[in-house]
C-alpha atoms as a PDB file:
ATOM      1  CA  MET A   1     -28.444   3.769  -9.394  1.00  0.00           C
ATOM      2  CA  LEU A   2     -30.511   0.797  -7.675  1.00  0.00           C
ATOM      3  CA  ALA A   3     -34.020   2.031  -5.760  1.00  0.00           C
ATOM      4  CA  VAL A   4     -32.325   0.309  -2.799  1.00  0.00           C
ATOM      5  CA  VAL A   5     -29.352   2.094  -2.723  1.00  0.00           C
ATOM      6  CA  LYS A   6     -30.567   4.954  -3.444  1.00  0.00           C
ATOM      7  CA  LYS A   7     -33.152   4.921  -0.719  1.00  0.00           C
ATOM      8  CA  MET A   8     -30.137   3.653   2.098  1.00  0.00           C
ATOM      9  CA  LEU A   9     -27.854   6.893   0.769  1.00  0.00           C
ATOM     10  CA  SER A  10     -30.568   9.337   0.906  1.00  0.00           C
ATOM     11  CA  ARG A  11     -31.753   8.415   4.665  1.00  0.00           C
ATOM     12  CA  TYR A  12     -27.971   8.186   5.561  1.00  0.00           C
ATOM     13  CA  TYR A  13     -27.330  11.973   4.303  1.00  0.00           C
ATOM     14  CA  ALA A  14     -30.623  13.345   5.891  1.00  0.00           C
ATOM     15  CA  GLN A  15     -30.491  11.734   9.130  1.00  0.00           C
ATOM     16  CA  GLU A  16     -26.721  10.759   9.916  1.00  0.00           C
ATOM     17  CA  PHE A  17     -24.292  12.937   7.880  1.00  0.00           C
ATOM     18  CA  SER A  18     -23.070  15.852   9.767  1.00  0.00           C
ATOM     19  CA  TYR A  19     -19.439  16.404   9.072  1.00  0.00           C
ATOM     20  CA  GLU A  20     -18.684  20.330   7.966  1.00  0.00           C
ATOM     21  CA  VAL A  21     -15.347  20.515   6.632  1.00  0.00           C
ATOM     22  CA  PRO A  22     -13.535  23.822   7.706  1.00  0.00           C
ATOM     23  CA  GLY A  23     -14.062  26.597   4.998  1.00  0.00           C
ATOM     24  CA  LEU A  24     -16.926  24.771   3.632  1.00  0.00           C
ATOM     25  CA  SER A  25     -18.386  27.790   2.074  1.00  0.00           C
ATOM     26  CA  LYS A  26     -14.996  28.644   0.371  1.00  0.00           C
ATOM     27  CA  ARG A  27     -14.575  24.990  -1.123  1.00  0.00           C
ATOM     28  CA  GLU A  28     -15.412  23.315  -4.473  1.00  0.00           C
ATOM     29  CA  ILE A  29     -17.633  20.388  -4.254  1.00  0.00           C
ATOM     30  CA  ALA A  30     -17.773  17.544  -6.886  1.00  0.00           C
ATOM     31  CA  VAL A  31     -20.269  14.725  -6.853  1.00  0.00           C
ATOM     32  CA  MET A  32     -20.093  11.619  -9.152  1.00  0.00           C
ATOM     33  CA  TYR A  33     -23.253   9.073 -10.072  1.00  0.00           C
ATOM     34  CA  GLU A  34     -23.365   6.150 -12.299  1.00  0.00           C
ATOM     35  CA  GLY A  35     -21.197   5.807 -15.471  1.00  0.00           C
ATOM     36  CA  GLY A  36     -18.081   7.687 -13.229  1.00  0.00           C
ATOM     37  CA  LYS A  37     -18.974  11.064 -14.645  1.00  0.00           C
ATOM     38  CA  MET A  38     -17.822  13.967 -11.969  1.00  0.00           C
ATOM     39  CA  LEU A  39     -20.276  16.941 -11.621  1.00  0.00           C
ATOM     40  CA  ARG A  40     -17.793  19.691 -10.678  1.00  0.00           C
ATOM     41  CA  HIS A  41     -17.813  23.467  -9.462  1.00  0.00           C
ATOM     42  CA  LYS A  42     -20.524  22.936  -6.742  1.00  0.00           C
ATOM     43  CA  HIS A  43     -20.801  25.406  -4.224  1.00  0.00           C
ATOM     44  CA  PHE A  44     -22.660  25.318  -0.722  1.00  0.00           C
ATOM     45  CA  GLU A  45     -22.456  28.267   1.780  1.00  0.00           C
ATOM     46  CA  ASP A  46     -23.473  25.445   4.830  1.00  0.00           C
ATOM     47  CA  LEU A  47     -23.826  22.178   6.052  1.00  0.00           C
ATOM     48  CA  ASN A  48     -27.469  22.136   6.046  1.00  0.00           C
ATOM     49  CA  LYS A  49     -27.394  23.159   2.126  1.00  0.00           C
ATOM     50  CA  LEU A  50     -24.701  20.072   1.345  1.00  0.00           C
ATOM     51  CA  LYS A  51     -26.960  17.895   3.200  1.00  0.00           C
ATOM     52  CA  ARG A  52     -30.376  18.981   1.509  1.00  0.00           C
ATOM     53  CA  TYR A  53     -28.596  18.479  -1.653  1.00  0.00           C
ATOM     54  CA  LEU A  54     -26.575  15.032  -0.916  1.00  0.00           C
ATOM     55  CA  SER A  55     -30.394  13.546   0.698  1.00  0.00           C
ATOM     56  CA  GLN A  56     -32.451  14.611  -2.413  1.00  0.00           C
ATOM     57  CA  TYR A  57     -30.046  13.624  -5.234  1.00  0.00           C
ATOM     58  CA  PRO A  58     -27.262  10.947  -3.360  1.00  0.00           C
ATOM     59  CA  PRO A  59     -24.152  10.656  -5.070  1.00  0.00           C
ATOM     60  CA  LEU A  60     -22.299   7.444  -4.922  1.00  0.00           C
ATOM     61  CA  HIS A  61     -18.711  10.004  -4.544  1.00  0.00           C
ATOM     62  CA  VAL A  62     -18.801  13.053  -2.790  1.00  0.00           C
ATOM     63  CA  TYR A  63     -15.219  15.227  -2.868  1.00  0.00           C
ATOM     64  CA  TYR A  64     -14.218  18.718  -1.875  1.00  0.00           C
ATOM     65  CA  SER A  65     -11.648  20.810  -3.167  1.00  0.00           C
ATOM     66  CA  THR A  66      -8.119  21.029  -1.133  1.00  0.00           C
ATOM     67  CA  ALA A  67      -7.894  24.325  -2.156  1.00  0.00           C
ATOM     68  CA  TYR A  68     -10.115  27.502  -0.818  1.00  0.00           C
ATOM     69  CA  TYR A  69     -11.397  30.059  -3.159  1.00  0.00           C
ATOM     70  CA  GLU A  70     -13.119  33.420  -3.819  1.00  0.00           C
ATOM     71  CA  ASN A  71     -15.664  32.045  -6.151  1.00  0.00           C
ATOM     72  CA  PRO A  72     -15.613  28.231  -5.769  1.00  0.00           C
ATOM     73  CA  SER A  73     -18.347  27.619  -8.330  1.00  0.00           C
ATOM     74  CA  ALA A  74     -16.771  29.403 -11.227  1.00  0.00           C
ATOM     75  CA  PRO A  75     -16.047  27.070 -14.029  1.00  0.00           C
ATOM     76  CA  THR A  76     -12.467  27.654 -14.011  1.00  0.00           C
ATOM     77  CA  MET A  77      -9.780  27.525 -12.307  1.00  0.00           C
ATOM     78  CA  GLU A  78      -8.587  31.072 -13.237  1.00  0.00           C
ATOM     79  CA  ALA A  79     -11.994  32.446 -12.469  1.00  0.00           C
ATOM     80  CA  LYS A  80     -12.092  30.876  -8.585  1.00  0.00           C
ATOM     81  CA  GLY A  81      -9.205  32.968  -7.162  1.00  0.00           C
ATOM     82  CA  TRP A  82      -7.133  30.471  -5.521  1.00  0.00           C
ATOM     83  CA  GLN A  83      -6.477  31.490  -2.117  1.00  0.00           C
ATOM     84  CA  GLY A  84      -4.566  28.426  -0.744  1.00  0.00           C
ATOM     85  CA  ALA A  85      -5.023  24.618  -0.304  1.00  0.00           C
ATOM     86  CA  ASP A  86      -4.514  22.323   2.182  1.00  0.00           C
ATOM     87  CA  VAL A  87      -1.568  19.972   2.090  1.00  0.00           C
ATOM     88  CA  VAL A  88      -2.623  16.137   1.316  1.00  0.00           C
ATOM     89  CA  PHE A  89      -1.105  13.273   1.415  1.00  0.00           C
ATOM     90  CA  ASP A  90      -3.265  10.221  -0.058  1.00  0.00           C
ATOM     91  CA  ILE A  91      -2.324   7.053   0.882  1.00  0.00           C
ATOM     92  CA  ASP A  92      -3.495   4.086  -1.908  1.00  0.00           C
ATOM     93  CA  THR A  93      -2.520   0.592  -0.753  1.00  0.00           C
ATOM     94  CA  ASP A  94      -3.235  -0.559  -4.270  1.00  0.00           C
ATOM     95  CA  LYS A  95       0.184   0.357  -5.137  1.00  0.00           C
ATOM     96  CA  TYR A  96       1.462  -2.001  -2.521  1.00  0.00           C
ATOM     97  CA  GLU A  97       3.010  -5.599  -2.459  1.00  0.00           C
ATOM     98  CA  CYS A  98      -0.041  -7.056  -0.430  1.00  0.00           C
ATOM     99  CA  TYR A  99      -2.212  -9.941  -1.386  1.00  0.00           C
ATOM    100  CA  ARG A 100      -5.182  -9.596   1.133  1.00  0.00           C
ATOM    101  CA  TYR A 101      -7.342  -6.498   1.821  1.00  0.00           C
ATOM    102  CA  TYR A 102      -6.800  -6.353   5.260  1.00  0.00           C
ATOM    103  CA  GLN A 103      -2.886  -6.956   5.023  1.00  0.00           C
ATOM    104  CA  CYS A 104      -3.239  -4.012   2.937  1.00  0.00           C
ATOM    105  CA  LEU A 105      -5.238  -1.685   4.856  1.00  0.00           C
ATOM    106  CA  SER A 106      -2.398  -2.709   7.834  1.00  0.00           C
ATOM    107  CA  MET A 107       0.040  -1.664   5.573  1.00  0.00           C
ATOM    108  CA  GLY A 108      -1.399   1.764   4.556  1.00  0.00           C
ATOM    109  CA  HIS A 109      -2.170   2.546   8.228  1.00  0.00           C
ATOM    110  CA  TYR A 110       1.329   1.732   9.078  1.00  0.00           C
ATOM    111  CA  TYR A 111       2.645   4.273   6.392  1.00  0.00           C
ATOM    112  CA  ALA A 112       0.171   7.070   7.590  1.00  0.00           C
ATOM    113  CA  SER A 113       1.327   6.843  11.295  1.00  0.00           C
ATOM    114  CA  VAL A 114       4.999   7.143  10.361  1.00  0.00           C
ATOM    115  CA  ILE A 115       4.063  10.198   8.114  1.00  0.00           C
ATOM    116  CA  TYR A 116       1.826  11.696  10.746  1.00  0.00           C
ATOM    117  CA  ASP A 117       5.272  11.633  13.323  1.00  0.00           C
ATOM    118  CA  ILE A 118       7.307  13.256  10.932  1.00  0.00           C
ATOM    119  CA  LEU A 119       4.633  16.103  10.113  1.00  0.00           C
ATOM    120  CA  LYS A 120       3.461  16.136  14.279  1.00  0.00           C
ATOM    121  CA  THR A 121       7.183  15.343  15.811  1.00  0.00           C
ATOM    122  CA  GLU A 122       9.492  17.110  13.587  1.00  0.00           C
ATOM    123  CA  LEU A 123       7.468  19.984  11.494  1.00  0.00           C
ATOM    124  CA  GLY A 124       4.785  21.050  14.608  1.00  0.00           C
ATOM    125  CA  VAL A 125       1.834  20.829  12.662  1.00  0.00           C
ATOM    126  CA  GLN A 126      -1.601  19.003  13.684  1.00  0.00           C
ATOM    127  CA  PRO A 127      -2.762  16.429  10.874  1.00  0.00           C
ATOM    128  CA  THR A 128      -5.733  14.994  10.550  1.00  0.00           C
ATOM    129  CA  VAL A 129      -5.838  11.097   9.461  1.00  0.00           C
ATOM    130  CA  ARG A 130      -8.760   9.609   7.358  1.00  0.00           C
ATOM    131  CA  PHE A 131      -9.729   5.969   6.437  1.00  0.00           C
ATOM    132  CA  SER A 132     -10.986   6.786   2.432  1.00  0.00           C
ATOM    133  CA  GLY A 133     -13.544   4.236   2.893  1.00  0.00           C
ATOM    134  CA  THR A 134     -12.250   1.332   0.587  1.00  0.00           C
ATOM    135  CA  ARG A 135      -8.545   0.774   0.661  1.00  0.00           C
ATOM    136  CA  GLY A 136      -6.393   4.247   1.634  1.00  0.00           C
ATOM    137  CA  PHE A 137      -5.894   6.853   3.974  1.00  0.00           C
ATOM    138  CA  HIS A 138      -5.941  10.664   3.670  1.00  0.00           C
ATOM    139  CA  ILE A 139      -3.847  13.027   5.878  1.00  0.00           C
ATOM    140  CA  HIS A 140      -4.957  16.665   5.651  1.00  0.00           C
ATOM    141  CA  VAL A 141      -2.543  19.354   6.960  1.00  0.00           C
ATOM    142  CA  PRO A 142      -4.508  22.766   6.906  1.00  0.00           C
ATOM    143  CA  GLU A 143      -1.794  24.365   8.662  1.00  0.00           C
ATOM    144  CA  LEU A 144       0.411  24.074   5.375  1.00  0.00           C
ATOM    145  CA  LYS A 145      -2.025  25.483   2.920  1.00  0.00           C
ATOM    146  CA  HIS A 146      -0.119  28.452   2.149  1.00  0.00           C
ATOM    147  CA  LEU A 147       2.590  26.491   0.536  1.00  0.00           C
ATOM    148  CA  ASP A 148       3.056  26.658  -3.303  1.00  0.00           C
ATOM    149  CA  LYS A 149       4.156  23.987  -5.675  1.00  0.00           C
ATOM    150  CA  ASN A 150       7.944  25.053  -5.327  1.00  0.00           C
ATOM    151  CA  ALA A 151       7.167  24.524  -1.271  1.00  0.00           C
ATOM    152  CA  ARG A 152       5.374  21.437  -1.359  1.00  0.00           C
ATOM    153  CA  GLN A 153       8.428  19.747  -3.831  1.00  0.00           C
ATOM    154  CA  LYS A 154      10.680  20.756  -0.895  1.00  0.00           C
ATOM    155  CA  LEU A 155       7.997  18.891   1.476  1.00  0.00           C
ATOM    156  CA  LEU A 156       8.039  16.095  -0.382  1.00  0.00           C
ATOM    157  CA  GLU A 157      11.789  15.615  -0.419  1.00  0.00           C
ATOM    158  CA  TYR A 158      11.914  16.372   3.563  1.00  0.00           C
ATOM    159  CA  ILE A 159       9.152  13.793   4.423  1.00  0.00           C
ATOM    160  CA  PHE A 160      11.728  11.347   2.214  1.00  0.00           C
ATOM    161  CA  GLY A 161      14.784  12.287   4.284  1.00  0.00           C
ATOM    162  CA  ARG A 162      16.344  14.103   1.114  1.00  0.00           C
ATOM    163  CA  TYR A 163      16.002  17.822   2.474  1.00  0.00           C
ATOM    164  CA  LYS A 164      16.613  19.699   5.172  1.00  0.00           C
ATOM    165  CA  ILE A 165      13.201  21.893   5.433  1.00  0.00           C
ATOM    166  CA  SER A 166      13.754  25.487   6.457  1.00  0.00           C
ATOM    167  CA  GLU A 167      11.628  28.020   8.552  1.00  0.00           C
ATOM    168  CA  LYS A 168      10.478  29.916   5.662  1.00  0.00           C
ATOM    169  CA  TYR A 169       7.873  26.954   4.844  1.00  0.00           C
ATOM    170  CA  VAL A 170       7.037  26.163   8.267  1.00  0.00           C
ATOM    171  CA  LYS A 171       6.707  27.359  11.876  1.00  0.00           C
ATOM    172  CA  ILE A 172       9.715  25.523  13.016  1.00  0.00           C
ATOM    173  CA  GLY A 173      12.643  24.125  11.221  1.00  0.00           C
ATOM    174  CA  SER A 174      14.228  20.639  11.547  1.00  0.00           C
ATOM    175  CA  ALA A 175      16.539  18.298  10.123  1.00  0.00           C
ATOM    176  CA  ALA A 176      15.192  14.929   9.261  1.00  0.00           C
ATOM    177  CA  ARG A 177      15.937  12.652  12.556  1.00  0.00           C
ATOM    178  CA  ALA A 178      18.635   9.995  12.764  1.00  0.00           C
ATOM    179  CA  GLY A 179      17.531   6.441  12.236  1.00  0.00           C
ATOM    180  CA  ARG A 180      13.841   7.894  11.147  1.00  0.00           C
ATOM    181  CA  GLN A 181      11.705   5.102   9.301  1.00  0.00           C
ATOM    182  CA  LEU A 182      12.411   5.548   5.856  1.00  0.00           C
ATOM    183  CA  LEU A 183       9.191   5.687   3.265  1.00  0.00           C
ATOM    184  CA  PRO A 184       9.197   3.377   0.166  1.00  0.00           C
ATOM    185  CA  GLU A 185       8.552   5.664  -3.106  1.00  0.00           C
ATOM    186  CA  ASN A 186       5.269   4.354  -3.244  1.00  0.00           C
ATOM    187  CA  ALA A 187       3.634   4.869   0.146  1.00  0.00           C
ATOM    188  CA  PHE A 188       1.645   7.743  -0.968  1.00  0.00           C
ATOM    189  CA  ASP A 189       0.891   9.407  -4.258  1.00  0.00           C
ATOM    190  CA  VAL A 190       2.942  12.570  -4.629  1.00  0.00           C
ATOM    191  CA  GLN A 191       0.884  14.240  -7.209  1.00  0.00           C
ATOM    192  CA  VAL A 192      -1.849  14.669  -4.865  1.00  0.00           C
ATOM    193  CA  LEU A 193       0.634  16.360  -2.346  1.00  0.00           C
ATOM    194  CA  LEU A 194       1.971  18.663  -5.371  1.00  0.00           C
ATOM    195  CA  ASP A 195      -1.439  19.647  -6.369  1.00  0.00           C
ATOM    196  CA  VAL A 196      -3.086  22.687  -5.367  1.00  0.00           C
ATOM    197  CA  HIS A 197      -6.320  22.278  -7.128  1.00  0.00           C
ATOM    198  CA  ARG A 198      -6.989  18.638  -6.307  1.00  0.00           C
ATOM    199  CA  VAL A 199     -10.282  17.538  -5.090  1.00  0.00           C
ATOM    200  CA  ILE A 200     -10.614  14.534  -2.351  1.00  0.00           C
ATOM    201  CA  ARG A 201     -12.891  12.424  -0.520  1.00  0.00           C
ATOM    202  CA  TYR A 202     -15.437  14.790   1.761  1.00  0.00           C
ATOM    203  CA  PRO A 203     -15.196  12.911   5.525  1.00  0.00           C
ATOM    204  CA  ASP A 204     -18.338  10.892   6.722  1.00  0.00           C
ATOM    205  CA  THR A 205     -19.483  10.440   2.744  1.00  0.00           C
ATOM    206  CA  VAL A 206     -20.043   6.943   1.735  1.00  0.00           C
ATOM    207  CA  HIS A 207     -17.788   5.425  -0.488  1.00  0.00           C
ATOM    208  CA  GLY A 208     -19.885   4.411  -3.827  1.00  0.00           C
ATOM    209  CA  LYS A 209     -17.724   0.802  -4.349  1.00  0.00           C
ATOM    210  CA  SER A 210     -17.494  -0.181  -0.725  1.00  0.00           C
ATOM    211  CA  GLY A 211     -20.300   1.521   1.013  1.00  0.00           C
ATOM    212  CA  LEU A 212     -18.114   2.431   4.264  1.00  0.00           C
ATOM    213  CA  ARG A 213     -17.711   5.965   5.179  1.00  0.00           C
ATOM    214  CA  CYS A 214     -14.610   7.981   4.918  1.00  0.00           C
ATOM    215  CA  LEU A 215     -13.720   8.326   8.769  1.00  0.00           C
ATOM    216  CA  ASP A 216     -11.427  10.273  10.831  1.00  0.00           C
ATOM    217  CA  LEU A 217      -9.131   7.997  12.792  1.00  0.00           C
ATOM    218  CA  ASP A 218      -6.738   8.481  16.033  1.00  0.00           C
ATOM    219  CA  ILE A 219      -3.595   7.777  14.655  1.00  0.00           C
ATOM    220  CA  ASN A 220      -2.229   7.242  18.119  1.00  0.00           C
ATOM    221  CA  LYS A 221      -4.301   4.094  18.616  1.00  0.00           C
ATOM    222  CA  SER A 222      -3.483   0.744  17.890  1.00  0.00           C
ATOM    223  CA  TYR A 223      -5.860  -0.510  15.184  1.00  0.00           C
ATOM    224  CA  ASP A 224      -6.916  -3.536  14.150  1.00  0.00           C
ATOM    225  CA  PRO A 225      -7.728  -3.170  10.359  1.00  0.00           C
ATOM    226  CA  HIS A 226     -11.104  -5.015  11.018  1.00  0.00           C
ATOM    227  CA  ARG A 227     -11.856  -2.436  13.637  1.00  0.00           C
ATOM    228  CA  ILE A 228     -11.573   0.453  10.902  1.00  0.00           C
ATOM    229  CA  VAL A 229     -14.020  -1.072   8.734  1.00  0.00           C
ATOM    230  CA  GLU A 230     -15.955  -2.254  11.737  1.00  0.00           C
ATOM    231  CA  ASP A 231     -16.123   1.822  12.690  1.00  0.00           C
ATOM    232  CA  ALA A 232     -16.568   3.224   9.000  1.00  0.00           C
ATOM    233  CA  SER A 233     -19.935   0.706   8.602  1.00  0.00           C
ATOM    234  CA  TRP A 234     -22.954   2.338   9.157  1.00  0.00           C
ATOM    235  CA  ALA A 235     -26.081   0.442   8.028  1.00  0.00           C
ATOM    236  CA  LYS A 236     -28.064  -1.205  10.203  1.00  0.00           C
ATOM    237  CA  GLY A 237     -30.490  -4.420  10.416  1.00  0.00           C
ATOM    238  CA  GLU A 238     -30.217  -7.121   7.506  1.00  0.00           C
ATOM    239  CA  LEU A 239     -31.489  -6.836   4.052  1.00  0.00           C
ATOM    240  CA  LYS A 240     -32.580  -9.937   1.791  1.00  0.00           C
ATOM    241  CA  VAL A 241     -30.643  -9.757  -1.804  1.00  0.00           C
ATOM    242  CA  TYR A 242     -29.857 -12.216  -4.486  1.00  0.00           C
ATOM    243  CA  VAL A 243     -26.103 -13.192  -4.607  1.00  0.00           C
ATOM    244  CA  LYS A 244     -25.244 -13.821  -7.930  1.00  0.00           C
ATOM    245  CA  GLU A 245     -21.413 -14.571  -7.048  1.00  0.00           C
ATOM    246  CA  THR A 246     -18.996 -14.772  -4.498  1.00  0.00           C
ATOM    247  CA  GLY A 247     -15.733 -14.885  -5.974  1.00  0.00           C
ATOM    248  CA  GLN A 248     -13.377 -11.907  -5.411  1.00  0.00           C
ATOM    249  CA  ASN A 249     -10.170 -10.567  -5.678  1.00  0.00           C
ATOM    250  CA  PRO A 250      -8.461 -11.190  -2.414  1.00  0.00           C
ATOM    251  CA  ARG A 251      -7.432  -7.598  -2.400  1.00  0.00           C
ATOM    252  CA  ASP A 252     -10.919  -6.246  -2.737  1.00  0.00           C
ATOM    253  CA  ALA A 253     -12.688  -8.428  -0.439  1.00  0.00           C
ATOM    254  CA  VAL A 254     -13.941  -6.207   2.570  1.00  0.00           C
ATOM    255  CA  PHE A 255     -16.471  -8.737   3.133  1.00  0.00           C
ATOM    256  CA  THR A 256     -16.773 -12.080   3.055  1.00  0.00           C
ATOM    257  CA  ILE A 257     -19.853 -13.600   1.290  1.00  0.00           C
ATOM    258  CA  ASP A 258     -20.552 -17.439   1.775  1.00  0.00           C
ATOM    259  CA  CYS A 259     -24.079 -18.194   0.241  1.00  0.00           C
ATOM    260  CA  THR A 260     -25.258 -17.762  -3.400  1.00  0.00           C
ATOM    261  CA  GLY A 261     -29.201 -17.106  -4.355  1.00  0.00           C
ATOM    262  CA  VAL A 262     -31.402 -15.278  -2.160  1.00  0.00           C
ATOM    263  CA  CYS A 263     -29.720 -14.565   1.392  1.00  0.00           C
ATOM    264  CA  THR A 264     -30.235 -12.495   4.426  1.00  0.00           C
ATOM    265  CA  LEU A 265     -27.339 -10.739   5.033  1.00  0.00           C
ATOM    266  CA  PRO A 266     -26.142  -7.908   7.644  1.00  0.00           C
ATOM    267  CA  ALA A 267     -27.497  -4.433   5.599  1.00  0.00           C
ATOM    268  CA  GLN A 268     -23.817  -3.241   5.221  1.00  0.00           C
ATOM    269  CA  VAL A 269     -22.561  -6.316   3.614  1.00  0.00           C
ATOM    270  CA  ALA A 270     -25.841  -6.066   1.636  1.00  0.00           C
ATOM    271  CA  LEU A 271     -24.718  -2.854   0.697  1.00  0.00           C
ATOM    272  CA  TYR A 272     -21.246  -3.603  -0.100  1.00  0.00           C
ATOM    273  CA  ALA A 273     -22.405  -6.479  -2.663  1.00  0.00           C
ATOM    274  CA  LEU A 274     -25.126  -4.549  -4.378  1.00  0.00           C
ATOM    275  CA  LEU A 275     -22.387  -1.440  -5.234  1.00  0.00           C
ATOM    276  CA  ARG A 276     -20.122  -4.124  -6.296  1.00  0.00           C
ATOM    277  CA  ASN A 277     -22.447  -6.123  -8.714  1.00  0.00           C
ATOM    278  CA  LEU A 278     -22.302  -9.214  -6.533  1.00  0.00           C
ATOM    279  CA  ALA A 279     -25.697  -9.085  -5.843  1.00  0.00           C
ATOM    280  CA  GLU A 280     -29.301  -8.028  -7.122  1.00  0.00           C
ATOM    281  CA  PRO A 281     -31.894  -6.301  -5.014  1.00  0.00           C
ATOM    282  CA  ILE A 282     -35.026  -9.099  -4.561  1.00  0.00           C
ATOM    283  CA  ARG A 283     -37.846  -7.842  -6.868  1.00  0.00           C
ATOM    284  CA  ARG A 284     -41.315  -7.751  -5.161  1.00  0.00           C
ATOM    285  CA  ASN A 285     -44.558  -8.620  -7.174  1.00  0.00           C
END
């Protein structure tokens, strides 16, 4: 990891990161550094211990288990002692027919709002919606942590309007409302919903491909996708870097960089460029 990136991340986790997920002591924590290798089966009793670790050894990505375990640091799933798992909808706009980053983000936000409305209005639960930090959204439903794989399959069919769910699985029974917005098959990753051992991005941590933080959203607000990115930005000030190139796939272009060579950029944009290998740090003699 570049020294300047490591310093920025370390300062963020020491000074700004403050999100303790419910049941943290029963969750598995996983981190990823350069090279793409994920270190799993980590366990932290409280937020302060997690903060200390992340500030001392800042990773590019931080994940936590949707599941609750008796022994979350055990090396095998059998030894962990599964106690339930939050239901999670993972919306990845990479699967959509869209052509520019903010167009894709708008589509993902719309599908997140549809799923949120179904869950809250028809099933009577209180979901939490998060921006993933790059190009998607996560919808967490801890109230349904008791559902096994069979019940999650039935929930999946219900969300797509193909099954009438019963009170055996949720607090209230409801038929899908007539005329409700039908979701396309690629609206979210169905395997994440069905997986009771999944790890998912930890809220308020920094995404190692964009430099943006994973952010809780009020889905009832009318969000301009640019506002979501603005709210997920955290790096302050400016940073001088050497920009190697400005060409990007329009689907990935969170920020536009319009200069090459030695450039002074907003710190958040500079971090993005460094993480995407579009820029290099300025070497000091």
